[in-house]
Protein backbone atom coordinates (compact mmCIF):
# COMPACT_ATOMS: atom_id res chain seq x y z
CA MET A 1 120.08 153.24 36.12
CA SER A 2 119.94 149.81 34.54
CA ARG A 3 116.65 148.26 33.65
CA PHE A 4 115.84 144.69 34.56
CA THR A 5 113.85 142.75 31.98
CA LEU A 6 112.62 139.20 32.21
CA THR A 7 111.45 137.16 29.27
CA ARG A 8 108.63 134.66 29.56
CA ARG A 9 111.06 131.74 29.07
CA GLU A 10 113.38 133.05 31.81
CA PHE A 11 110.39 133.50 34.10
CA VAL A 12 109.35 129.88 33.52
CA LYS A 13 112.91 128.71 34.23
CA GLY A 14 112.96 130.62 37.47
CA CYS A 15 109.62 129.21 38.54
CA CYS A 16 110.77 125.70 37.73
CA GLY A 17 114.00 126.29 39.64
CA ALA A 18 111.97 127.36 42.65
CA ALA A 19 109.82 124.28 42.23
CA VAL A 20 112.91 122.05 42.22
CA VAL A 21 114.21 123.54 45.45
CA GLY A 22 110.79 123.72 47.05
CA ALA A 23 109.85 120.17 46.17
CA ALA A 24 113.11 118.61 47.24
CA GLY A 25 113.78 120.93 50.17
CA SER A 26 117.02 120.34 52.03
CA ILE A 27 117.16 116.73 50.85
CA LEU A 28 118.47 117.59 47.40
CA THR A 29 122.12 118.42 46.95
CA PHE A 30 124.21 118.05 43.86
CA SER A 31 126.67 115.52 42.55
CA GLU A 32 129.18 116.05 39.80
CA ASP A 33 128.12 115.48 36.23
CA ALA A 34 127.28 111.84 35.68
CA SER A 35 130.00 110.00 33.81
CA ALA A 36 130.86 106.37 33.41
CA ALA A 37 133.54 105.67 36.01
CA ALA A 38 134.34 102.31 37.52
CA ASN A 39 135.35 102.69 41.14
CA ALA A 40 138.74 101.01 41.27
CA TYR A 41 139.56 102.91 44.45
CA ASP A 42 138.62 102.21 48.04
CA THR A 43 135.51 103.50 49.74
CA VAL A 44 135.50 104.95 53.25
CA VAL A 45 132.22 104.81 55.17
CA HIS A 46 132.04 107.13 58.18
CA LEU A 47 129.39 106.20 60.76
CA PHE A 48 128.76 108.84 63.43
CA LEU A 49 127.09 107.58 66.62
CA ARG A 50 125.59 110.89 67.70
CA GLY A 51 124.78 111.48 71.33
CA GLY A 52 127.91 110.19 73.05
CA MET A 53 127.93 106.38 72.97
CA ASP A 54 128.88 104.67 76.24
CA GLY A 55 132.03 102.90 75.14
CA LEU A 56 132.65 101.27 78.51
CA ASN A 57 129.50 99.18 78.13
CA LEU A 58 130.33 98.31 74.53
CA VAL A 59 134.00 97.41 75.10
CA VAL A 60 133.86 96.05 78.63
CA PRO A 61 136.75 95.38 81.07
CA ILE A 62 136.27 91.75 82.12
CA SER A 63 139.33 90.96 84.24
CA GLY A 64 142.02 92.38 86.50
CA ASP A 65 141.98 95.58 88.51
CA ASP A 66 140.05 97.43 85.82
CA ARG A 67 137.16 95.01 86.28
CA THR A 68 137.10 95.83 89.99
CA PHE A 69 137.17 99.58 89.35
CA TYR A 70 134.47 99.17 86.69
CA GLU A 71 132.10 97.32 89.02
CA GLN A 72 132.71 99.82 91.81
CA ALA A 73 131.88 102.74 89.52
CA ARG A 74 128.84 101.03 87.99
CA PRO A 75 127.31 98.72 90.61
CA ASP A 76 123.94 98.63 88.83
CA LEU A 77 125.05 99.38 85.30
CA SER A 78 127.98 97.04 84.68
CA ILE A 79 127.83 94.24 82.13
CA PRO A 80 128.29 90.85 83.88
CA ILE A 81 131.09 88.44 83.06
CA SER A 82 129.08 85.25 83.57
CA GLY A 83 125.60 84.02 82.82
CA THR A 84 123.29 84.30 79.84
CA TYR A 85 123.91 88.02 79.34
CA ALA A 86 127.64 88.06 79.98
CA ALA A 87 130.13 90.11 77.99
CA LEU A 88 131.50 88.38 74.89
CA PRO A 89 135.26 87.84 75.50
CA LEU A 90 137.64 89.24 72.91
CA THR A 91 140.74 87.16 72.23
CA LEU A 92 143.74 87.67 70.00
CA ALA A 93 144.32 85.59 66.89
CA GLY A 94 146.33 83.07 68.90
CA GLY A 95 143.57 82.71 71.48
CA ALA A 96 145.17 84.85 74.21
CA ALA A 97 142.77 86.84 76.35
CA THR A 98 142.73 90.63 76.05
CA GLY A 99 140.97 91.49 79.29
CA PHE A 100 138.06 92.99 77.34
CA GLY A 101 134.75 91.82 75.98
CA LEU A 102 131.87 93.18 73.93
CA HIS A 103 128.32 93.85 75.05
CA PRO A 104 126.36 90.58 74.76
CA SER A 105 124.12 92.11 72.07
CA ALA A 106 127.13 92.81 69.85
CA THR A 107 127.36 89.30 68.43
CA GLY A 108 127.80 90.63 64.90
CA LEU A 109 130.76 92.77 65.93
CA ARG A 110 132.18 89.82 67.88
CA ASP A 111 132.05 87.69 64.74
CA LEU A 112 133.79 90.40 62.72
CA TRP A 113 136.46 90.56 65.42
CA ASN A 114 136.97 86.80 65.43
CA ASN A 115 137.26 86.79 61.64
CA GLY A 116 140.01 89.42 61.79
CA HIS A 117 138.02 92.28 60.24
CA LEU A 118 137.46 94.51 63.28
CA GLY A 119 140.07 96.57 65.12
CA ILE A 120 139.37 98.72 68.18
CA VAL A 121 141.27 101.87 69.11
CA HIS A 122 141.33 102.50 72.87
CA ALA A 123 140.58 105.93 74.36
CA ALA A 124 140.22 107.80 71.07
CA GLY A 125 138.73 111.23 70.57
CA MET A 126 139.67 114.89 70.30
CA ALA A 127 143.09 115.18 71.88
CA THR A 128 143.49 118.94 71.45
CA SER A 129 140.25 120.30 72.89
CA VAL A 130 137.84 119.33 75.63
CA THR A 131 134.11 119.87 75.58
CA ARG A 132 131.08 118.11 76.99
CA SER A 133 128.75 119.84 74.57
CA HIS A 134 127.26 117.53 71.95
CA PHE A 135 126.96 120.39 69.49
CA ASP A 136 130.54 121.64 69.82
CA ALA A 137 132.06 118.16 69.79
CA GLN A 138 130.04 116.92 66.82
CA LEU A 139 130.73 120.03 64.75
CA SER A 140 134.44 119.87 65.61
CA ILE A 141 134.64 116.31 64.31
CA ASP A 142 132.49 117.02 61.26
CA LEU A 143 134.69 119.97 60.30
CA GLY A 144 137.89 118.12 61.18
CA THR A 145 139.15 121.10 63.18
CA PRO A 146 138.68 120.36 66.90
CA GLY A 147 137.92 123.51 68.86
CA LYS A 148 137.70 125.70 65.76
CA PHE A 149 134.43 126.41 64.01
CA GLY A 150 135.35 128.95 61.36
CA THR A 151 136.13 126.34 58.72
CA GLY A 152 133.75 126.64 55.82
CA SER A 153 133.96 123.02 54.73
CA GLY A 154 133.72 119.52 56.18
CA TRP A 155 136.61 117.08 56.39
CA LEU A 156 134.97 114.62 53.99
CA ALA A 157 134.50 117.36 51.40
CA ARG A 158 138.17 118.30 51.73
CA ALA A 159 139.23 114.66 51.55
CA TRP A 160 137.71 114.40 48.08
CA ASP A 161 138.80 117.87 46.96
CA SER A 162 142.42 117.14 47.95
CA ARG A 163 142.52 113.82 46.11
CA PRO A 164 145.74 112.99 44.30
CA ALA A 165 146.23 114.25 40.78
CA GLY A 166 145.15 111.72 38.21
CA THR A 167 142.31 110.30 40.27
CA PRO A 168 139.63 109.25 37.77
CA ALA A 169 136.41 111.22 37.65
CA ALA A 170 133.44 109.73 39.44
CA ALA A 171 129.71 110.00 38.90
CA LEU A 172 129.10 109.73 42.64
CA PRO A 173 132.31 110.39 44.59
CA ALA A 174 130.66 111.25 47.91
CA LEU A 175 127.31 110.29 49.38
CA GLY A 176 125.55 111.50 52.50
CA ILE A 177 122.59 109.52 53.80
CA GLY A 178 120.09 111.74 55.56
CA THR A 179 117.46 114.42 55.16
CA THR A 180 119.99 117.26 55.23
CA GLN A 181 123.54 117.55 53.97
CA PRO A 182 125.92 116.16 56.61
CA ALA A 183 128.30 118.76 58.04
CA GLY A 184 131.22 116.53 57.06
CA LEU A 185 130.30 117.21 53.42
CA LEU A 186 129.79 120.94 53.94
CA ALA A 187 130.81 123.03 50.90
CA SER A 188 131.09 120.02 48.61
CA THR A 189 129.67 120.44 45.13
CA ALA A 190 130.54 116.85 44.30
CA ALA A 191 128.52 115.16 47.04
CA LEU A 192 124.99 113.91 46.75
CA THR A 193 122.71 113.68 49.79
CA MET A 194 119.54 111.63 49.95
CA GLY A 195 117.39 110.06 52.61
CA SER A 196 116.64 107.03 50.44
CA ALA A 197 116.91 106.20 46.77
CA GLY A 198 113.16 105.64 46.46
CA ASP A 199 112.39 109.14 47.73
CA PHE A 200 115.04 110.90 45.66
CA ARG A 201 112.75 112.38 43.06
CA LEU A 202 110.64 115.45 42.40
CA ASN A 203 107.15 115.11 43.79
CA ALA A 204 105.41 118.25 42.53
CA GLY A 205 102.10 118.57 40.78
CA ALA A 206 99.52 115.93 39.97
CA TYR A 207 100.81 112.35 40.09
CA ALA A 208 99.90 111.67 36.44
CA TRP A 209 101.87 114.72 35.28
CA GLN A 210 105.13 114.05 37.10
CA GLU A 211 106.76 111.64 34.67
CA ARG A 212 106.08 109.32 31.77
CA ARG A 213 104.48 106.07 32.94
CA PRO A 214 103.43 102.86 31.13
CA ASP A 215 99.81 104.02 30.93
CA SER A 216 100.65 107.57 29.74
CA PRO A 217 99.31 108.72 26.34
CA VAL A 218 101.59 108.32 23.33
CA GLY A 219 104.05 111.19 23.10
CA PHE A 220 103.40 112.36 26.66
CA ARG A 221 106.31 113.99 28.53
CA GLY A 222 106.06 114.58 32.24
CA ILE A 223 107.38 117.46 34.29
CA ASN A 224 110.55 115.58 35.15
CA GLU A 225 111.33 114.86 31.50
CA THR A 226 110.56 118.44 30.48
CA LEU A 227 112.64 120.18 33.14
CA ALA A 228 115.93 119.12 31.56
CA ASP A 229 115.14 121.15 28.43
CA LEU A 230 114.93 124.34 30.48
CA TRP A 231 118.49 124.20 31.79
CA SER A 232 120.17 125.10 28.49
CA GLY A 233 121.98 128.31 29.50
CA ARG A 234 125.06 129.08 31.56
CA THR A 235 123.65 131.23 34.36
CA GLY A 236 124.08 130.09 37.95
CA LEU A 237 120.44 129.02 38.13
CA GLN A 238 120.64 127.06 34.90
CA LEU A 239 123.90 125.32 35.87
CA SER A 240 122.42 124.37 39.23
CA GLY A 241 119.35 123.07 37.48
CA GLN A 242 121.47 120.95 35.15
CA ARG A 243 123.33 119.42 38.06
CA ALA A 244 120.17 118.79 40.04
CA ASP A 245 118.59 117.11 37.05
CA ALA A 246 121.72 115.02 36.46
CA SER A 247 121.68 113.89 40.10
CA LEU A 248 118.03 112.87 39.90
CA ARG A 249 118.62 110.96 36.68
CA LEU A 250 121.76 109.29 38.04
CA ILE A 251 119.89 107.78 40.96
CA ALA A 252 116.82 106.96 38.85
CA GLN A 253 118.99 104.96 36.43
CA GLN A 254 120.35 102.69 39.18
CA THR A 255 118.59 99.50 40.17
CA TYR A 256 118.13 100.31 43.86
CA GLY A 257 115.95 97.64 45.39
CA SER A 258 114.84 96.06 48.62
CA PRO A 259 117.36 94.43 50.98
CA PRO A 260 117.98 90.70 50.64
CA ALA A 261 116.22 88.19 52.85
CA GLY A 262 117.48 88.25 56.40
CA TRP A 263 118.60 91.87 56.28
CA PRO A 264 117.88 93.66 59.60
CA SER A 265 114.85 95.91 59.74
CA GLY A 266 114.83 99.59 60.61
CA THR A 267 115.94 102.88 59.08
CA PHE A 268 119.62 102.52 59.94
CA ALA A 269 119.92 99.08 58.34
CA GLN A 270 118.07 100.37 55.25
CA GLN A 271 120.52 103.27 54.98
CA LEU A 272 123.46 100.88 55.09
CA TRP A 273 121.80 98.89 52.34
CA THR A 274 121.59 102.05 50.22
CA ILE A 275 125.33 102.59 50.70
CA ALA A 276 126.07 98.94 49.92
CA GLN A 277 124.17 99.20 46.64
CA SER A 278 125.85 102.51 45.78
CA ILE A 279 129.25 100.86 46.20
CA ARG A 280 128.17 97.91 44.10
CA PHE A 281 126.87 100.09 41.24
CA ASN A 282 130.47 101.16 40.49
CA LEU A 283 129.72 104.86 40.36
CA GLY A 284 133.11 105.80 41.76
CA LEU A 285 131.94 106.17 45.36
CA ARG A 286 134.91 107.09 47.58
CA TYR A 287 133.27 108.54 50.69
CA ALA A 288 129.94 107.84 52.34
CA THR A 289 128.63 109.08 55.66
CA LEU A 290 125.59 108.38 57.82
CA ASP A 291 124.46 108.78 61.42
CA LEU A 292 122.98 106.56 64.09
CA GLY A 293 121.68 108.76 66.89
CA GLY A 294 120.08 108.11 70.25
CA TRP A 295 123.16 107.53 72.44
CA ASP A 296 122.62 110.28 75.02
CA THR A 297 121.78 107.94 77.89
CA HIS A 298 121.56 110.15 80.98
CA GLU A 299 118.58 108.20 82.30
CA GLY A 300 117.36 104.61 82.06
CA GLN A 301 120.33 103.44 80.02
CA GLY A 302 119.84 99.79 80.87
CA THR A 303 122.45 97.07 80.74
CA ALA A 304 121.79 93.61 79.34
CA GLY A 305 119.18 91.03 80.16
CA SER A 306 115.61 89.92 79.58
CA GLY A 307 112.98 92.56 79.11
CA TYR A 308 113.52 96.08 77.86
CA HIS A 309 117.01 97.57 77.98
CA TYR A 310 117.43 100.71 75.89
CA TYR A 311 121.21 100.46 75.45
CA GLN A 312 121.00 96.75 74.71
CA ASN A 313 118.62 97.45 71.84
CA LYS A 314 120.85 100.20 70.42
CA ILE A 315 123.90 97.94 70.43
CA ALA A 316 121.90 95.16 68.75
CA GLU A 317 120.74 97.61 66.06
CA LEU A 318 124.29 98.79 65.44
CA SER A 319 125.92 95.36 65.48
CA SER A 320 123.43 93.45 63.35
CA ALA A 321 123.32 96.10 60.62
CA LEU A 322 127.11 96.38 60.38
CA GLN A 323 127.45 92.61 60.17
CA ALA A 324 124.84 92.43 57.40
CA PHE A 325 126.60 95.25 55.52
CA PHE A 326 129.95 93.48 55.77
CA ASN A 327 128.64 90.04 54.82
CA GLU A 328 126.74 91.33 51.80
CA LEU A 329 129.67 93.21 50.31
CA ASN A 330 132.12 90.50 51.28
CA ALA A 331 130.08 87.92 49.37
CA GLY A 332 130.35 90.08 46.25
CA GLY A 333 134.05 90.83 46.71
CA GLU A 334 133.56 94.56 47.25
CA MET A 335 134.43 94.55 50.96
CA ALA A 336 138.11 94.07 50.14
CA ARG A 337 138.21 97.80 49.35
CA VAL A 338 135.78 99.17 51.95
CA THR A 339 136.76 100.57 55.34
CA VAL A 340 134.15 101.57 57.92
CA ILE A 341 134.95 104.06 60.70
CA VAL A 342 132.60 104.05 63.70
CA GLN A 343 132.97 106.88 66.20
CA SER A 344 131.00 109.04 68.62
CA GLU A 345 131.66 112.62 69.68
CA PHE A 346 132.80 111.51 73.15
CA GLY A 347 132.30 108.73 75.65
CA ARG A 348 130.41 108.61 78.94
CA ARG A 349 131.71 109.08 82.45
CA VAL A 350 133.11 106.01 84.18
CA ARG A 351 130.87 106.44 87.22
CA ALA A 352 127.13 105.91 86.73
CA ASN A 353 124.80 108.70 87.79
CA ALA A 354 121.82 108.49 90.16
CA ASN A 355 119.31 108.19 87.31
CA GLY A 356 120.36 104.80 85.99
CA GLY A 357 122.48 106.34 83.25
CA THR A 358 125.82 107.94 82.47
CA ASP A 359 126.81 111.55 81.84
CA HIS A 360 129.08 113.10 79.22
CA GLY A 361 132.67 111.90 79.30
CA TYR A 362 135.75 112.09 77.12
CA GLY A 363 137.81 109.22 75.65
CA ASN A 364 135.95 106.42 73.84
CA PRO A 365 136.67 103.36 71.71
CA LEU A 366 136.77 103.95 67.96
CA LEU A 367 135.97 100.98 65.71
CA VAL A 368 137.48 100.29 62.30
CA LEU A 369 136.13 97.38 60.29
CA GLY A 370 136.42 96.12 56.74
CA GLY A 371 138.39 93.94 54.39
CA PRO A 372 141.63 95.99 54.56
CA VAL A 373 141.64 96.12 58.39
CA ASN A 374 144.31 94.39 60.45
CA GLY A 375 141.71 93.16 62.88
CA ARG A 376 141.42 91.15 66.06
CA ARG A 377 143.73 93.63 67.77
CA PHE A 378 143.48 96.64 70.06
CA TYR A 379 145.31 99.81 69.11
CA GLY A 380 146.36 102.87 71.01
CA SER A 381 146.97 103.23 74.73
CA TRP A 382 144.57 102.02 77.41
CA PRO A 383 144.96 104.24 80.51
CA GLY A 384 143.09 101.96 82.90
CA LEU A 385 140.23 102.82 85.26
CA ASN A 386 142.12 103.46 88.48
CA PRO A 387 140.46 106.57 89.98
CA GLU A 388 143.88 108.04 90.74
CA THR A 389 144.84 107.69 87.09
CA LEU A 390 141.60 109.33 85.99
CA SER A 391 141.73 112.15 88.52
CA PRO A 392 143.67 114.56 86.26
CA THR A 393 140.90 114.21 83.64
CA PHE A 394 138.09 114.70 86.15
CA GLY A 395 137.21 111.02 86.43
CA ASP A 396 136.90 110.50 82.67
CA VAL A 397 138.79 108.10 80.45
CA PRO A 398 141.32 110.45 78.82
CA VAL A 399 141.98 110.67 75.11
CA THR A 400 145.27 108.97 74.36
CA THR A 401 144.85 108.66 70.56
CA ASP A 402 143.70 111.56 68.41
CA TYR A 403 140.90 110.30 66.16
CA ARG A 404 142.51 112.16 63.25
CA ARG A 405 145.50 109.86 63.55
CA VAL A 406 143.30 106.88 62.72
CA ILE A 407 141.52 108.55 59.82
CA SER A 408 144.80 109.94 58.47
CA GLU A 409 146.20 106.43 58.20
CA ILE A 410 143.13 105.31 56.26
CA LEU A 411 143.42 108.33 53.95
CA ILE A 412 147.08 107.60 53.25
CA ARG A 413 147.12 103.82 53.10
CA ARG A 414 143.74 103.18 51.49
CA MET A 415 142.88 106.38 49.59
CA GLY A 416 146.39 107.36 48.54
CA ASN A 417 145.79 110.87 49.90
CA ALA A 418 148.69 112.28 51.92
CA ASN A 419 147.38 115.86 51.92
CA LEU A 420 146.65 115.81 55.64
CA SER A 421 147.23 119.53 56.07
CA GLN A 422 144.27 120.15 53.77
CA VAL A 423 141.97 117.50 55.21
CA PHE A 424 142.84 118.28 58.86
CA PRO A 425 144.25 121.84 59.04
CA GLY A 426 146.51 122.30 62.02
CA TYR A 427 146.94 118.59 62.73
CA ALA A 428 150.56 117.64 63.29
CA GLY A 429 150.48 114.35 65.17
CA TYR A 430 150.29 111.71 62.48
CA ALA A 431 152.08 108.40 62.83
CA PRO A 432 150.56 105.15 61.52
CA LEU A 433 149.15 102.70 64.05
CA GLY A 434 149.09 99.86 61.53
CA ILE A 435 145.34 99.41 61.70
CA VAL A 436 144.84 99.07 57.93
CA GLN A 437 146.82 97.49 55.14
CA GLY A 438 148.52 99.59 52.49
CA SER A 439 151.58 101.63 51.66
CA ASP A 440 152.72 104.68 53.59
CA LEU A 441 153.29 107.96 51.80
CA ALA A 442 155.10 111.09 52.93
CA ALA A 443 152.30 113.01 54.63
CA ASN A 444 151.80 116.65 53.80
CA ALA A 445 151.96 117.55 57.49
CA GLN A 446 154.38 117.35 60.37
CA VAL A 447 155.14 113.65 60.74
CA LEU A 448 156.25 112.25 64.08
CA PRO A 449 158.41 109.12 64.50
CA LEU A 450 156.62 105.85 63.90
CA ALA A 451 154.59 104.64 66.83
CA ALA A 452 155.31 101.51 68.79
CA PRO A 453 153.60 98.32 67.58
CA ALA A 454 149.84 98.16 68.01
CA LEU A 455 148.63 97.40 71.50
CA SER A 456 147.65 93.76 71.87
CA THR A 457 146.69 93.12 75.47
CA ALA A 458 147.82 89.68 76.60
CA PRO A 459 147.01 87.88 79.86
CA GLY A 460 148.54 89.41 82.95
CA GLU A 461 149.57 92.62 81.19
CA ALA A 462 148.38 96.01 82.33
CA ARG A 463 148.87 98.53 79.58
CA HIS A 464 149.10 102.11 80.72
CA GLY A 465 150.86 105.25 79.60
CA ASN A 466 152.13 105.59 76.04
CA ALA A 467 151.86 102.00 74.85
CA GLY A 468 151.63 102.76 71.17
CA GLY A 469 149.32 105.74 71.72
CA ASP A 470 149.70 109.49 72.07
CA GLU A 471 150.85 111.05 75.31
CA VAL A 472 148.16 112.83 77.31
CA PRO A 473 149.22 116.47 76.92
CA ALA A 474 149.79 118.45 80.09
CA TRP A 475 146.97 120.86 79.34
CA GLN A 476 144.45 118.01 79.50
CA ARG A 477 145.31 117.42 83.12
CA ARG A 478 143.75 119.10 86.13
CA GLY A 479 143.71 122.85 85.87
CA ARG A 480 142.46 125.41 83.40
CA ILE A 481 141.03 123.83 80.27
CA GLU A 482 141.77 125.41 76.94
CA ARG A 483 138.85 126.79 74.93
CA PHE A 484 135.91 125.09 76.57
CA ILE A 485 134.36 124.95 80.02
CA PRO A 486 133.13 121.40 80.63
CA ARG A 487 129.39 121.30 81.05
CA ARG A 488 126.59 118.80 81.01
CA GLU A 489 123.48 118.99 78.90
CA HIS A 490 120.25 117.08 79.35
């Protein structure tokens, strides 16, 4: 029988370790050891619109047969094509109409489109599994393994872990903005998660004892300064303490400040400002992720107009913050190496429900914006809104482009990471769409022949079928659905 002994110093270390975890709660996760590393590589920002954003009222059909089908399906919920609150037409670089427009509150996104920095992928989503459960769909995307939940790590964590050999070390390679570690960064020991830079500190004990301040007595050392001395050993607790302390000091040493004049208000805009500053500090940030929730609009969705419209306000919040983020980093030159991915777990049904809202659907637009983006173009395959076309997918817009195809191109062309089999285990459908600039590499996965040129809808053209997108697999069509039984949740 072995005897457990505990010295006074070890007991104090353990108590302090408990205090660290207790004070920071789930907000505190660890980054790699701080080291001076200039971020000469690109940064990918993943924005998850949780709740199932209604893509048909963000990217709106404004002409042709699809406009007729759209109005028939949404007589009281469609976005108008004329008047003060009409959809904002999207044109190609040469001025040709596309047949689509943006919600009238999305003026910031419209400007990014017109400036060639926004591309839109039609009917994107999970092409290999179907579910109308928020929880299953969100976790599938976070893990990067649609329909499979046994993966012990998130796709963003694997993206950094599978980085090419020779990638320089980074003080802050991955950042999650939130009160808990995002599932996309699950199992990462390199990522740091924080709600805001100002709150990323220990807040235990009396205020005057926490840290050295200008009015502190000569020679005074606060709790935060003293804790570092306790993590001198090599046990698991001590190593975790060292990394936690290094993370706290890393953020404390940066000059995080208030947003510039004119920056949008609200939590989401403030979180984007935190990411913008983290990119600018040159800490080696490669991946950042944050959420904007509130898109589950079963009731009272609203359209566009005077007075209160819930969906209108959400689109305005999204659009204005993304435009401010782009403009700020573009002014400093950093946006040339930043790519933002905006996606939701699924779209909404084409037909409005009886409660002034929309229920859970399937395919949805995916937005890609940034300096390296080949913008002012649509990508993928638009299936149209003809009810006969949508019948095999139960009245939903089908998924014609696997979202992993878009992200894989960004990983290869912008991040130099061709290890797709590690980032997206089981994915074998990669072929570049041409949505971002950069060089192609031989992907470490089954590579299909190059896709047709990106879809650019011109006047009088009706794009259906496999126009540069993925075929709708037979199993997606009417009949038994693999893995999941479609269901609605309120």
